[in-house]
């Protein structure tokens, strides 16, 4: 095993490697780490070497963008493109979204008049911190490509592949002590020193060292918080929008002659829906981070919270080492 830093109270807390900004910072500047992550996920394929990171920079607009995921776009020595991203929120129509982005990477390769044989394969890799396929608890790693429905051995093309790794499920399945298990441990147990001390795969240990270095930079802490707030705002907007749709639908049943009451009811419903959505989302985020049901005292505080408290607790969550840290101050 490799020695792991013993953190002292004066050190800043480790940043979450599942924050897509931190994820990109770890891998966009380290092609060797990205190569190992890809090879660990696609362990049944010939190993590859990433030679170019095609989108290494993160702009201020990217950092605060609500509707995008900060991904890493790279290619290997054969020109095959890889799009790697990590996601902590489950979106509606996930399959359609994945297909759209991978298809766009394919279609953008060729210009008018170019031959199709010049088109390079595109492999999208999604690390998900939620169960995309809860009906299949025994499998955490998936690969999708164009195959015949009746004779799956017949492949139309391998030019488009989508690899999915359900991190939480992979952790629950207790993978064999391989490179992939070490990567899963890093993403799922980065706060637990006794597990980090057991890492044996050198690239994962290197990634942990890089994460420790990033975490001790105040600027990176602030950027990670800004990114988390953008994600928070996005999810809050989605929940609020859904509440507004429900509220709008309920208003259609009111009599047209009580317009004033209807407008007042709509506004009250909107506010109530927004607050309830924030509480549901924050509860989900806390449970995801600490991997356990919330005790009664936390649920009680969430139920009684004001929107301002919910916003502040959401920010505190990004640096919290224990449940109490979220609500202190």
C-alpha atoms as a PDB file:
ATOM      1  CA  UNK A   1       0.000   0.000   0.000  1.00  0.00           C
ATOM      2  CA  UNK A   2       0.983   3.605  -0.467  1.00  0.00           C
ATOM      3  CA  UNK A   3       1.130   6.057   2.442  1.00  0.00           C
ATOM      4  CA  UNK A   4      -1.824   8.406   2.685  1.00  0.00           C
ATOM      5  CA  UNK A   5      -1.587  11.909   4.107  1.00  0.00           C
ATOM      6  CA  UNK A   6      -2.911  12.245   7.659  1.00  0.00           C
ATOM      7  CA  UNK A   7      -5.086  15.338   7.467  1.00  0.00           C
ATOM      8  CA  UNK A   8      -4.880  17.882  10.268  1.00  0.00           C
ATOM      9  CA  UNK A   9      -7.550  20.418  11.308  1.00  0.00           C
ATOM     10  CA  UNK A  10      -5.603  23.230   9.613  1.00  0.00           C
ATOM     11  CA  UNK A  11      -5.841  21.537   6.222  1.00  0.00           C
ATOM     12  CA  UNK A  12      -8.772  22.351   3.956  1.00  0.00           C
ATOM     13  CA  UNK A  13     -11.198  19.440   3.459  1.00  0.00           C
ATOM     14  CA  UNK A  14     -10.859  17.253   0.392  1.00  0.00           C
ATOM     15  CA  UNK A  15     -12.964  18.338  -2.547  1.00  0.00           C
ATOM     16  CA  UNK A  16     -15.464  15.907  -3.994  1.00  0.00           C
ATOM     17  CA  UNK A  17     -14.033  14.195  -7.125  1.00  0.00           C
ATOM     18  CA  UNK A  18     -17.635  13.722  -8.323  1.00  0.00           C
ATOM     19  CA  UNK A  19     -17.984  17.498  -8.684  1.00  0.00           C
ATOM     20  CA  UNK A  20     -17.679  17.732 -12.474  1.00  0.00           C
ATOM     21  CA  UNK A  21     -15.349  20.745 -12.211  1.00  0.00           C
ATOM     22  CA  UNK A  22     -12.947  18.815  -9.955  1.00  0.00           C
ATOM     23  CA  UNK A  23     -13.318  15.732 -12.163  1.00  0.00           C
ATOM     24  CA  UNK A  24     -12.235  17.712 -15.197  1.00  0.00           C
ATOM     25  CA  UNK A  25      -9.374  19.370 -13.313  1.00  0.00           C
ATOM     26  CA  UNK A  26      -8.065  15.943 -12.302  1.00  0.00           C
ATOM     27  CA  UNK A  27      -8.171  14.337 -15.734  1.00  0.00           C
ATOM     28  CA  UNK A  28      -7.952  17.096 -18.369  1.00  0.00           C
ATOM     29  CA  UNK A  29      -4.355  17.851 -17.376  1.00  0.00           C
ATOM     30  CA  UNK A  30      -3.306  14.215 -16.889  1.00  0.00           C
ATOM     31  CA  UNK A  31      -3.722  12.063 -20.023  1.00  0.00           C
ATOM     32  CA  UNK A  32      -1.997   9.165 -18.265  1.00  0.00           C
ATOM     33  CA  UNK A  33      -4.623   9.127 -15.504  1.00  0.00           C
ATOM     34  CA  UNK A  34      -7.414   9.414 -18.043  1.00  0.00           C
ATOM     35  CA  UNK A  35      -5.934   6.511 -20.025  1.00  0.00           C
ATOM     36  CA  UNK A  36      -5.915   4.332 -16.929  1.00  0.00           C
ATOM     37  CA  UNK A  37      -9.477   5.257 -15.980  1.00  0.00           C
ATOM     38  CA  UNK A  38     -10.698   4.359 -19.473  1.00  0.00           C
ATOM     39  CA  UNK A  39      -8.718   1.107 -19.531  1.00  0.00           C
ATOM     40  CA  UNK A  40     -10.047   0.166 -16.090  1.00  0.00           C
ATOM     41  CA  UNK A  41     -13.651   0.693 -17.176  1.00  0.00           C
ATOM     42  CA  UNK A  42     -13.097  -1.007 -20.541  1.00  0.00           C
ATOM     43  CA  UNK A  43     -10.896  -3.742 -19.090  1.00  0.00           C
ATOM     44  CA  UNK A  44     -12.176  -6.297 -21.634  1.00  0.00           C
ATOM     45  CA  UNK A  45     -10.805  -4.226 -24.535  1.00  0.00           C
ATOM     46  CA  UNK A  46      -7.213  -3.690 -25.730  1.00  0.00           C
ATOM     47  CA  UNK A  47      -5.581  -0.926 -23.639  1.00  0.00           C
ATOM     48  CA  UNK A  48      -5.384   2.526 -25.180  1.00  0.00           C
ATOM     49  CA  UNK A  49      -3.210   5.575 -24.632  1.00  0.00           C
ATOM     50  CA  UNK A  50      -4.724   9.039 -24.662  1.00  0.00           C
ATOM     51  CA  UNK A  51      -2.524  11.341 -26.738  1.00  0.00           C
ATOM     52  CA  UNK A  52      -4.586  14.545 -26.834  1.00  0.00           C
ATOM     53  CA  UNK A  53      -7.075  16.303 -24.564  1.00  0.00           C
ATOM     54  CA  UNK A  54      -9.300  18.257 -26.947  1.00  0.00           C
ATOM     55  CA  UNK A  55     -11.024  20.531 -24.400  1.00  0.00           C
ATOM     56  CA  UNK A  56      -8.585  21.055 -21.507  1.00  0.00           C
ATOM     57  CA  UNK A  57      -9.745  24.530 -20.478  1.00  0.00           C
ATOM     58  CA  UNK A  58     -12.649  25.560 -18.249  1.00  0.00           C
ATOM     59  CA  UNK A  59     -14.037  29.027 -18.837  1.00  0.00           C
ATOM     60  CA  UNK A  60     -15.919  31.147 -16.364  1.00  0.00           C
ATOM     61  CA  UNK A  61     -19.080  30.593 -18.393  1.00  0.00           C
ATOM     62  CA  UNK A  62     -18.599  26.822 -18.160  1.00  0.00           C
ATOM     63  CA  UNK A  63     -18.157  27.052 -14.413  1.00  0.00           C
ATOM     64  CA  UNK A  64     -21.500  28.779 -13.893  1.00  0.00           C
ATOM     65  CA  UNK A  65     -23.457  27.067 -16.664  1.00  0.00           C
ATOM     66  CA  UNK A  66     -26.458  25.265 -15.233  1.00  0.00           C
ATOM     67  CA  UNK A  67     -27.481  23.006 -18.091  1.00  0.00           C
ATOM     68  CA  UNK A  68     -24.163  21.441 -19.105  1.00  0.00           C
ATOM     69  CA  UNK A  69     -21.878  18.834 -17.639  1.00  0.00           C
ATOM     70  CA  UNK A  70     -18.159  19.544 -17.669  1.00  0.00           C
ATOM     71  CA  UNK A  71     -16.837  16.641 -19.722  1.00  0.00           C
ATOM     72  CA  UNK A  72     -13.401  15.612 -20.958  1.00  0.00           C
ATOM     73  CA  UNK A  73     -13.019  15.108 -24.709  1.00  0.00           C
ATOM     74  CA  UNK A  74      -9.888  13.227 -25.769  1.00  0.00           C
ATOM     75  CA  UNK A  75      -8.475  10.994 -28.477  1.00  0.00           C
ATOM     76  CA  UNK A  76      -6.002   8.150 -28.601  1.00  0.00           C
ATOM     77  CA  UNK A  77      -3.151   7.405 -30.991  1.00  0.00           C
ATOM     78  CA  UNK A  78      -5.547   5.881 -33.550  1.00  0.00           C
ATOM     79  CA  UNK A  79      -7.786   8.931 -33.598  1.00  0.00           C
ATOM     80  CA  UNK A  80     -10.613   7.317 -31.637  1.00  0.00           C
ATOM     81  CA  UNK A  81     -12.496   9.977 -29.663  1.00  0.00           C
ATOM     82  CA  UNK A  82     -13.490   9.528 -26.026  1.00  0.00           C
ATOM     83  CA  UNK A  83     -16.000  11.665 -24.200  1.00  0.00           C
ATOM     84  CA  UNK A  84     -15.865  11.102 -20.434  1.00  0.00           C
ATOM     85  CA  UNK A  85     -18.171  12.700 -17.894  1.00  0.00           C
ATOM     86  CA  UNK A  86     -19.406  12.161 -14.350  1.00  0.00           C
ATOM     87  CA  UNK A  87     -23.008  12.792 -13.327  1.00  0.00           C
ATOM     88  CA  UNK A  88     -24.639  12.912  -9.894  1.00  0.00           C
ATOM     89  CA  UNK A  89     -28.170  13.815 -10.991  1.00  0.00           C
ATOM     90  CA  UNK A  90     -30.514  11.538 -12.898  1.00  0.00           C
ATOM     91  CA  UNK A  91     -32.100  13.340 -15.802  1.00  0.00           C
ATOM     92  CA  UNK A  92     -35.225  12.448 -17.695  1.00  0.00           C
ATOM     93  CA  UNK A  93     -34.571  10.755 -21.050  1.00  0.00           C
ATOM     94  CA  UNK A  94     -31.019   9.843 -20.093  1.00  0.00           C
ATOM     95  CA  UNK A  95     -30.662   7.368 -22.966  1.00  0.00           C
ATOM     96  CA  UNK A  96     -31.814   9.885 -25.550  1.00  0.00           C
ATOM     97  CA  UNK A  97     -29.436  12.491 -24.155  1.00  0.00           C
ATOM     98  CA  UNK A  98     -26.473  10.108 -24.366  1.00  0.00           C
ATOM     99  CA  UNK A  99     -27.345   9.103 -27.916  1.00  0.00           C
ATOM    100  CA  UNK A 100     -27.699  12.726 -28.998  1.00  0.00           C
ATOM    101  CA  UNK A 101     -24.281  13.800 -27.724  1.00  0.00           C
ATOM    102  CA  UNK A 102     -22.439  10.774 -29.070  1.00  0.00           C
ATOM    103  CA  UNK A 103     -24.142  11.175 -32.462  1.00  0.00           C
ATOM    104  CA  UNK A 104     -23.166  14.837 -32.554  1.00  0.00           C
ATOM    105  CA  UNK A 105     -19.512  13.947 -31.978  1.00  0.00           C
ATOM    106  CA  UNK A 106     -19.730  11.582 -34.942  1.00  0.00           C
ATOM    107  CA  UNK A 107     -21.529  13.983 -37.269  1.00  0.00           C
ATOM    108  CA  UNK A 108     -19.109  16.827 -36.531  1.00  0.00           C
ATOM    109  CA  UNK A 109     -16.127  14.823 -37.786  1.00  0.00           C
ATOM    110  CA  UNK A 110     -16.812  14.886 -41.517  1.00  0.00           C
ATOM    111  CA  UNK A 111     -17.026  17.821 -43.849  1.00  0.00           C
ATOM    112  CA  UNK A 112     -18.783  17.809 -47.202  1.00  0.00           C
ATOM    113  CA  UNK A 113     -17.090  15.461 -49.662  1.00  0.00           C
ATOM    114  CA  UNK A 114     -15.167  13.412 -47.110  1.00  0.00           C
ATOM    115  CA  UNK A 115     -15.380   9.636 -47.199  1.00  0.00           C
ATOM    116  CA  UNK A 116     -17.125   7.736 -44.420  1.00  0.00           C
ATOM    117  CA  UNK A 117     -14.018   5.601 -43.979  1.00  0.00           C
ATOM    118  CA  UNK A 118     -12.315   8.685 -42.555  1.00  0.00           C
ATOM    119  CA  UNK A 119     -14.789   8.751 -39.685  1.00  0.00           C
ATOM    120  CA  UNK A 120     -13.268   7.756 -36.358  1.00  0.00           C
ATOM    121  CA  UNK A 121     -15.013   5.808 -33.639  1.00  0.00           C
ATOM    122  CA  UNK A 122     -16.618   7.722 -30.766  1.00  0.00           C
ATOM    123  CA  UNK A 123     -16.760   6.146 -27.316  1.00  0.00           C
ATOM    124  CA  UNK A 124     -18.743   7.938 -24.623  1.00  0.00           C
ATOM    125  CA  UNK A 125     -18.097   6.949 -21.013  1.00  0.00           C
ATOM    126  CA  UNK A 126     -20.537   7.990 -18.291  1.00  0.00           C
ATOM    127  CA  UNK A 127     -19.780   7.578 -14.591  1.00  0.00           C
ATOM    128  CA  UNK A 128     -23.099   7.860 -12.783  1.00  0.00           C
ATOM    129  CA  UNK A 129     -23.534   8.310  -9.044  1.00  0.00           C
ATOM    130  CA  UNK A 130     -27.054   6.916  -9.166  1.00  0.00           C
ATOM    131  CA  UNK A 131     -28.717   3.701 -10.327  1.00  0.00           C
ATOM    132  CA  UNK A 132     -29.740   4.114 -13.958  1.00  0.00           C
ATOM    133  CA  UNK A 133     -31.031   0.552 -14.113  1.00  0.00           C
ATOM    134  CA  UNK A 134     -32.419  -0.213 -10.641  1.00  0.00           C
ATOM    135  CA  UNK A 135     -34.188  -3.327 -11.932  1.00  0.00           C
ATOM    136  CA  UNK A 136     -30.787  -4.943 -12.509  1.00  0.00           C
ATOM    137  CA  UNK A 137     -29.051  -4.764  -9.114  1.00  0.00           C
ATOM    138  CA  UNK A 138     -26.504  -7.421 -10.077  1.00  0.00           C
ATOM    139  CA  UNK A 139     -24.846  -5.397 -12.859  1.00  0.00           C
ATOM    140  CA  UNK A 140     -23.130  -2.011 -12.650  1.00  0.00           C
ATOM    141  CA  UNK A 141     -21.158  -1.837 -15.913  1.00  0.00           C
ATOM    142  CA  UNK A 142     -22.879  -1.502 -19.283  1.00  0.00           C
ATOM    143  CA  UNK A 143     -21.884  -1.106 -22.935  1.00  0.00           C
ATOM    144  CA  UNK A 144     -24.270  -0.158 -25.703  1.00  0.00           C
ATOM    145  CA  UNK A 145     -23.628  -0.346 -29.432  1.00  0.00           C
ATOM    146  CA  UNK A 146     -25.542  -1.079 -32.648  1.00  0.00           C
ATOM    147  CA  UNK A 147     -26.327  -4.812 -32.722  1.00  0.00           C
ATOM    148  CA  UNK A 148     -29.043  -6.944 -34.280  1.00  0.00           C
ATOM    149  CA  UNK A 149     -31.981  -7.558 -31.958  1.00  0.00           C
ATOM    150  CA  UNK A 150     -32.347 -11.233 -32.848  1.00  0.00           C
ATOM    151  CA  UNK A 151     -28.677 -12.148 -33.348  1.00  0.00           C
ATOM    152  CA  UNK A 152     -26.681  -9.941 -30.938  1.00  0.00           C
ATOM    153  CA  UNK A 153     -23.386 -11.306 -32.242  1.00  0.00           C
ATOM    154  CA  UNK A 154     -24.012  -9.418 -35.482  1.00  0.00           C
ATOM    155  CA  UNK A 155     -22.713  -5.859 -35.033  1.00  0.00           C
ATOM    156  CA  UNK A 156     -23.645  -3.182 -37.555  1.00  0.00           C
ATOM    157  CA  UNK A 157     -20.760  -0.925 -36.494  1.00  0.00           C
ATOM    158  CA  UNK A 158     -18.612  -0.184 -33.462  1.00  0.00           C
ATOM    159  CA  UNK A 159     -18.219   3.431 -34.476  1.00  0.00           C
ATOM    160  CA  UNK A 160     -20.609   4.471 -31.696  1.00  0.00           C
ATOM    161  CA  UNK A 161     -20.317   2.989 -28.211  1.00  0.00           C
ATOM    162  CA  UNK A 162     -21.628   4.166 -24.856  1.00  0.00           C
ATOM    163  CA  UNK A 163     -20.070   2.784 -21.670  1.00  0.00           C
ATOM    164  CA  UNK A 164     -21.898   3.367 -18.385  1.00  0.00           C
ATOM    165  CA  UNK A 165     -20.613   2.674 -14.888  1.00  0.00           C
ATOM    166  CA  UNK A 166     -23.092   2.998 -12.010  1.00  0.00           C
ATOM    167  CA  UNK A 167     -20.684   3.977  -9.222  1.00  0.00           C
ATOM    168  CA  UNK A 168     -22.876   3.417  -6.191  1.00  0.00           C
ATOM    169  CA  UNK A 169     -24.014   0.036  -7.469  1.00  0.00           C
ATOM    170  CA  UNK A 170     -20.439  -0.955  -8.322  1.00  0.00           C
ATOM    171  CA  UNK A 171     -19.472  -0.062  -4.762  1.00  0.00           C
ATOM    172  CA  UNK A 172     -22.297  -2.147  -3.330  1.00  0.00           C
ATOM    173  CA  UNK A 173     -21.319  -5.137  -5.467  1.00  0.00           C
ATOM    174  CA  UNK A 174     -17.829  -5.113  -3.907  1.00  0.00           C
ATOM    175  CA  UNK A 175     -15.776  -5.582  -7.065  1.00  0.00           C
ATOM    176  CA  UNK A 176     -12.649  -7.703  -6.942  1.00  0.00           C
ATOM    177  CA  UNK A 177      -9.515  -5.813  -5.812  1.00  0.00           C
ATOM    178  CA  UNK A 178      -8.648  -4.496  -9.253  1.00  0.00           C
ATOM    179  CA  UNK A 179      -7.861  -1.133 -10.799  1.00  0.00           C
ATOM    180  CA  UNK A 180     -11.563  -0.525 -11.354  1.00  0.00           C
ATOM    181  CA  UNK A 181     -12.371  -1.128  -7.687  1.00  0.00           C
ATOM    182  CA  UNK A 182      -9.693   1.372  -6.673  1.00  0.00           C
ATOM    183  CA  UNK A 183     -11.217   4.003  -8.964  1.00  0.00           C
ATOM    184  CA  UNK A 184     -14.693   3.313  -7.550  1.00  0.00           C
ATOM    185  CA  UNK A 185     -13.303   3.586  -4.014  1.00  0.00           C
ATOM    186  CA  UNK A 186     -11.800   6.983  -4.826  1.00  0.00           C
ATOM    187  CA  UNK A 187     -15.067   8.376  -6.175  1.00  0.00           C
ATOM    188  CA  UNK A 188     -17.283   6.856  -3.486  1.00  0.00           C
ATOM    189  CA  UNK A 189     -15.057   6.948  -0.363  1.00  0.00           C
ATOM    190  CA  UNK A 190     -12.714   9.888  -0.885  1.00  0.00           C
ATOM    191  CA  UNK A 191     -13.532  11.190   2.624  1.00  0.00           C
ATOM    192  CA  UNK A 192     -12.732   7.912   4.398  1.00  0.00           C
ATOM    193  CA  UNK A 193      -9.034   7.775   5.223  1.00  0.00           C
ATOM    194  CA  UNK A 194      -9.013   4.104   6.185  1.00  0.00           C
ATOM    195  CA  UNK A 195     -10.263   3.164   2.707  1.00  0.00           C
ATOM    196  CA  UNK A 196      -7.929   5.579   0.936  1.00  0.00           C
ATOM    197  CA  UNK A 197      -5.032   4.021   2.859  1.00  0.00           C
ATOM    198  CA  UNK A 198      -5.838   0.692   1.199  1.00  0.00           C
ATOM    199  CA  UNK A 199      -5.488   1.960  -2.381  1.00  0.00           C
ATOM    200  CA  UNK A 200      -2.889  -0.092  -4.245  1.00  0.00           C
ATOM    201  CA  UNK A 201      -3.308   0.957  -7.873  1.00  0.00           C
ATOM    202  CA  UNK A 202      -0.616   3.563  -8.558  1.00  0.00           C
ATOM    203  CA  UNK A 203      -2.633   5.821 -10.941  1.00  0.00           C
ATOM    204  CA  UNK A 204      -5.470   6.039  -8.400  1.00  0.00           C
ATOM    205  CA  UNK A 205      -3.004   6.938  -5.645  1.00  0.00           C
ATOM    206  CA  UNK A 206      -1.590   9.608  -7.977  1.00  0.00           C
ATOM    207  CA  UNK A 207      -5.111  10.942  -8.553  1.00  0.00           C
ATOM    208  CA  UNK A 208      -5.647  11.084  -4.791  1.00  0.00           C
ATOM    209  CA  UNK A 209      -2.447  13.096  -4.384  1.00  0.00           C
ATOM    210  CA  UNK A 210      -3.623  15.501  -7.097  1.00  0.00           C
ATOM    211  CA  UNK A 211      -6.981  15.817  -5.352  1.00  0.00           C
ATOM    212  CA  UNK A 212      -5.238  16.644  -2.075  1.00  0.00           C
ATOM    213  CA  UNK A 213      -3.166  19.323  -3.813  1.00  0.00           C
ATOM    214  CA  UNK A 214      -6.228  20.855  -5.499  1.00  0.00           C
ATOM    215  CA  UNK A 215      -8.107  20.847  -2.220  1.00  0.00           C
ATOM    216  CA  UNK A 216      -5.493  22.963  -0.465  1.00  0.00           C
ATOM    217  CA  UNK A 217      -5.934  25.827  -2.936  1.00  0.00           C
ATOM    218  CA  UNK A 218      -8.500  28.359  -1.776  1.00  0.00           C
ATOM    219  CA  UNK A 219      -9.251  29.358  -5.363  1.00  0.00           C
ATOM    220  CA  UNK A 220     -10.093  25.769  -6.278  1.00  0.00           C
ATOM    221  CA  UNK A 221     -12.322  25.475  -3.204  1.00  0.00           C
ATOM    222  CA  UNK A 222     -14.245  28.551  -4.314  1.00  0.00           C
ATOM    223  CA  UNK A 223     -14.514  27.319  -7.893  1.00  0.00           C
ATOM    224  CA  UNK A 224     -15.827  23.949  -6.715  1.00  0.00           C
ATOM    225  CA  UNK A 225     -18.425  25.713  -4.549  1.00  0.00           C
ATOM    226  CA  UNK A 226     -19.440  27.946  -7.458  1.00  0.00           C
ATOM    227  CA  UNK A 227     -19.875  24.907  -9.661  1.00  0.00           C
ATOM    228  CA  UNK A 228     -21.899  23.099  -7.010  1.00  0.00           C
ATOM    229  CA  UNK A 229     -24.154  26.119  -6.629  1.00  0.00           C
ATOM    230  CA  UNK A 230     -24.759  26.196 -10.395  1.00  0.00           C
ATOM    231  CA  UNK A 231     -25.826  22.551 -10.254  1.00  0.00           C
ATOM    232  CA  UNK A 232     -27.937  23.294  -7.189  1.00  0.00           C
ATOM    233  CA  UNK A 233     -29.650  26.192  -8.947  1.00  0.00           C
ATOM    234  CA  UNK A 234     -30.314  24.051 -12.021  1.00  0.00           C
ATOM    235  CA  UNK A 235     -31.984  21.311 -10.000  1.00  0.00           C
ATOM    236  CA  UNK A 236     -33.951  23.845  -7.979  1.00  0.00           C
ATOM    237  CA  UNK A 237     -35.176  25.449 -11.218  1.00  0.00           C
ATOM    238  CA  UNK A 238     -36.270  22.063 -12.564  1.00  0.00           C
ATOM    239  CA  UNK A 239     -38.149  21.188  -9.384  1.00  0.00           C
ATOM    240  CA  UNK A 240     -39.741  24.630  -9.260  1.00  0.00           C
ATOM    241  CA  UNK A 241     -40.789  24.397 -12.898  1.00  0.00           C
ATOM    242  CA  UNK A 242     -42.469  21.068 -12.243  1.00  0.00           C
ATOM    243  CA  UNK A 243     -44.249  22.521  -9.218  1.00  0.00           C
ATOM    244  CA  UNK A 244     -45.428  25.444 -11.345  1.00  0.00           C
ATOM    245  CA  UNK A 245     -46.790  23.106 -14.009  1.00  0.00           C
ATOM    246  CA  UNK A 246     -48.725  21.176 -11.387  1.00  0.00           C
ATOM    247  CA  UNK A 247     -49.964  24.385  -9.843  1.00  0.00           C
ATOM    248  CA  UNK A 248     -50.983  25.776 -13.224  1.00  0.00           C
ATOM    249  CA  UNK A 249     -52.886  22.605 -14.004  1.00  0.00           C
ATOM    250  CA  UNK A 250     -54.776  22.759 -10.743  1.00  0.00           C
ATOM    251  CA  UNK A 251     -55.791  26.361 -11.438  1.00  0.00           C
ATOM    252  CA  UNK A 252     -57.634  25.397 -14.614  1.00  0.00           C
ATOM    253  CA  UNK A 253     -60.357  23.922 -12.501  1.00  0.00           C
ATOM    254  CA  UNK A 254     -61.145  27.218 -10.768  1.00  0.00           C
ATOM    255  CA  UNK A 255     -64.075  29.342 -11.771  1.00  0.00           C
ATOM    256  CA  UNK A 256     -63.152  32.132 -14.168  1.00  0.00           C
ATOM    257  CA  UNK A 257     -64.965  34.664 -12.044  1.00  0.00           C
ATOM    258  CA  UNK A 258     -62.512  34.442  -9.110  1.00  0.00           C
ATOM    259  CA  UNK A 259     -59.443  35.695 -10.936  1.00  0.00           C
ATOM    260  CA  UNK A 260     -57.921  37.370  -7.913  1.00  0.00           C
ATOM    261  CA  UNK A 261     -58.117  34.246  -5.786  1.00  0.00           C
ATOM    262  CA  UNK A 262     -56.626  32.200  -8.593  1.00  0.00           C
ATOM    263  CA  UNK A 263     -53.621  34.478  -8.945  1.00  0.00           C
ATOM    264  CA  UNK A 264     -53.025  34.424  -5.211  1.00  0.00           C
ATOM    265  CA  UNK A 265     -53.300  30.637  -5.137  1.00  0.00           C
ATOM    266  CA  UNK A 266     -50.855  30.303  -8.000  1.00  0.00           C
ATOM    267  CA  UNK A 267     -48.258  32.425  -6.248  1.00  0.00           C
ATOM    268  CA  UNK A 268     -48.658  30.571  -2.966  1.00  0.00           C
ATOM    269  CA  UNK A 269     -48.406  27.236  -4.753  1.00  0.00           C
ATOM    270  CA  UNK A 270     -45.308  28.362  -6.602  1.00  0.00           C
ATOM    271  CA  UNK A 271     -43.542  29.364  -3.397  1.00  0.00           C
ATOM    272  CA  UNK A 272     -44.613  26.197  -1.613  1.00  0.00           C
ATOM    273  CA  UNK A 273     -43.491  24.050  -4.515  1.00  0.00           C
ATOM    274  CA  UNK A 274     -40.134  25.800  -4.700  1.00  0.00           C
ATOM    275  CA  UNK A 275     -39.427  25.321  -1.000  1.00  0.00           C
ATOM    276  CA  UNK A 276     -40.570  21.706  -1.004  1.00  0.00           C
ATOM    277  CA  UNK A 277     -38.452  20.970  -4.060  1.00  0.00           C
ATOM    278  CA  UNK A 278     -35.379  22.492  -2.420  1.00  0.00           C
ATOM    279  CA  UNK A 279     -35.941  20.359   0.685  1.00  0.00           C
ATOM    280  CA  UNK A 280     -36.319  17.154  -1.343  1.00  0.00           C
ATOM    281  CA  UNK A 281     -33.217  17.894  -3.388  1.00  0.00           C
ATOM    282  CA  UNK A 282     -31.074  18.810  -0.376  1.00  0.00           C
ATOM    283  CA  UNK A 283     -32.177  15.671   1.455  1.00  0.00           C
ATOM    284  CA  UNK A 284     -31.215  13.585  -1.576  1.00  0.00           C
ATOM    285  CA  UNK A 285     -27.808  15.304  -1.841  1.00  0.00           C
ATOM    286  CA  UNK A 286     -27.051  14.727   1.851  1.00  0.00           C
ATOM    287  CA  UNK A 287     -28.086  11.067   1.706  1.00  0.00           C
ATOM    288  CA  UNK A 288     -25.988  10.570  -1.424  1.00  0.00           C
ATOM    289  CA  UNK A 289     -22.905  12.166   0.103  1.00  0.00           C
ATOM    290  CA  UNK A 290     -22.984  10.312   3.421  1.00  0.00           C
ATOM    291  CA  UNK A 291     -24.519   7.080   2.109  1.00  0.00           C
ATOM    292  CA  UNK A 292     -27.009   6.604   4.916  1.00  0.00           C
ATOM    293  CA  UNK A 293     -30.613   7.436   5.875  1.00  0.00           C
ATOM    294  CA  UNK A 294     -30.884  10.771   7.640  1.00  0.00           C
ATOM    295  CA  UNK A 295     -31.531  10.811  11.405  1.00  0.00           C
ATOM    296  CA  UNK A 296     -34.702  12.384  12.760  1.00  0.00           C
ATOM    297  CA  UNK A 297     -32.980  15.573  13.904  1.00  0.00           C
ATOM    298  CA  UNK A 298     -31.825  16.310  10.348  1.00  0.00           C
ATOM    299  CA  UNK A 299     -35.260  15.604   8.862  1.00  0.00           C
ATOM    300  CA  UNK A 300     -36.813  17.896  11.465  1.00  0.00           C
ATOM    301  CA  UNK A 301     -34.471  20.738  10.558  1.00  0.00           C
ATOM    302  CA  UNK A 302     -35.148  20.292   6.851  1.00  0.00           C
ATOM    303  CA  UNK A 303     -38.913  20.373   7.356  1.00  0.00           C
ATOM    304  CA  UNK A 304     -38.711  23.639   9.328  1.00  0.00           C
ATOM    305  CA  UNK A 305     -36.072  25.317   7.157  1.00  0.00           C
ATOM    306  CA  UNK A 306     -36.467  28.622   5.362  1.00  0.00           C
ATOM    307  CA  UNK A 307     -35.319  29.020   1.720  1.00  0.00           C
ATOM    308  CA  UNK A 308     -32.330  31.021   2.951  1.00  0.00           C
ATOM    309  CA  UNK A 309     -31.285  28.220   5.307  1.00  0.00           C
ATOM    310  CA  UNK A 310     -31.667  25.621   2.562  1.00  0.00           C
ATOM    311  CA  UNK A 311     -29.435  27.656   0.261  1.00  0.00           C
ATOM    312  CA  UNK A 312     -26.769  28.056   2.944  1.00  0.00           C
ATOM    313  CA  UNK A 313     -26.860  24.371   3.871  1.00  0.00           C
ATOM    314  CA  UNK A 314     -26.462  23.464   0.215  1.00  0.00           C
ATOM    315  CA  UNK A 315     -23.230  25.471   0.099  1.00  0.00           C
ATOM    316  CA  UNK A 316     -22.013  23.989   3.408  1.00  0.00           C
ATOM    317  CA  UNK A 317     -22.681  20.490   2.076  1.00  0.00           C
ATOM    318  CA  UNK A 318     -19.868  20.785  -0.483  1.00  0.00           C
ATOM    319  CA  UNK A 319     -17.236  20.971   2.292  1.00  0.00           C
ATOM    320  CA  UNK A 320     -18.922  19.037   5.103  1.00  0.00           C
ATOM    321  CA  UNK A 321     -17.015  16.100   6.565  1.00  0.00           C
ATOM    322  CA  UNK A 322     -19.919  15.031   8.800  1.00  0.00           C
ATOM    323  CA  UNK A 323     -23.626  15.760   9.059  1.00  0.00           C
ATOM    324  CA  UNK A 324     -23.186  18.299  11.859  1.00  0.00           C
ATOM    325  CA  UNK A 325     -20.892  20.431   9.668  1.00  0.00           C
ATOM    326  CA  UNK A 326     -23.770  21.234   7.311  1.00  0.00           C
ATOM    327  CA  UNK A 327     -25.896  22.901   9.977  1.00  0.00           C
ATOM    328  CA  UNK A 328     -23.274  24.583  12.157  1.00  0.00           C
ATOM    329  CA  UNK A 329     -23.186  28.352  11.988  1.00  0.00           C
END
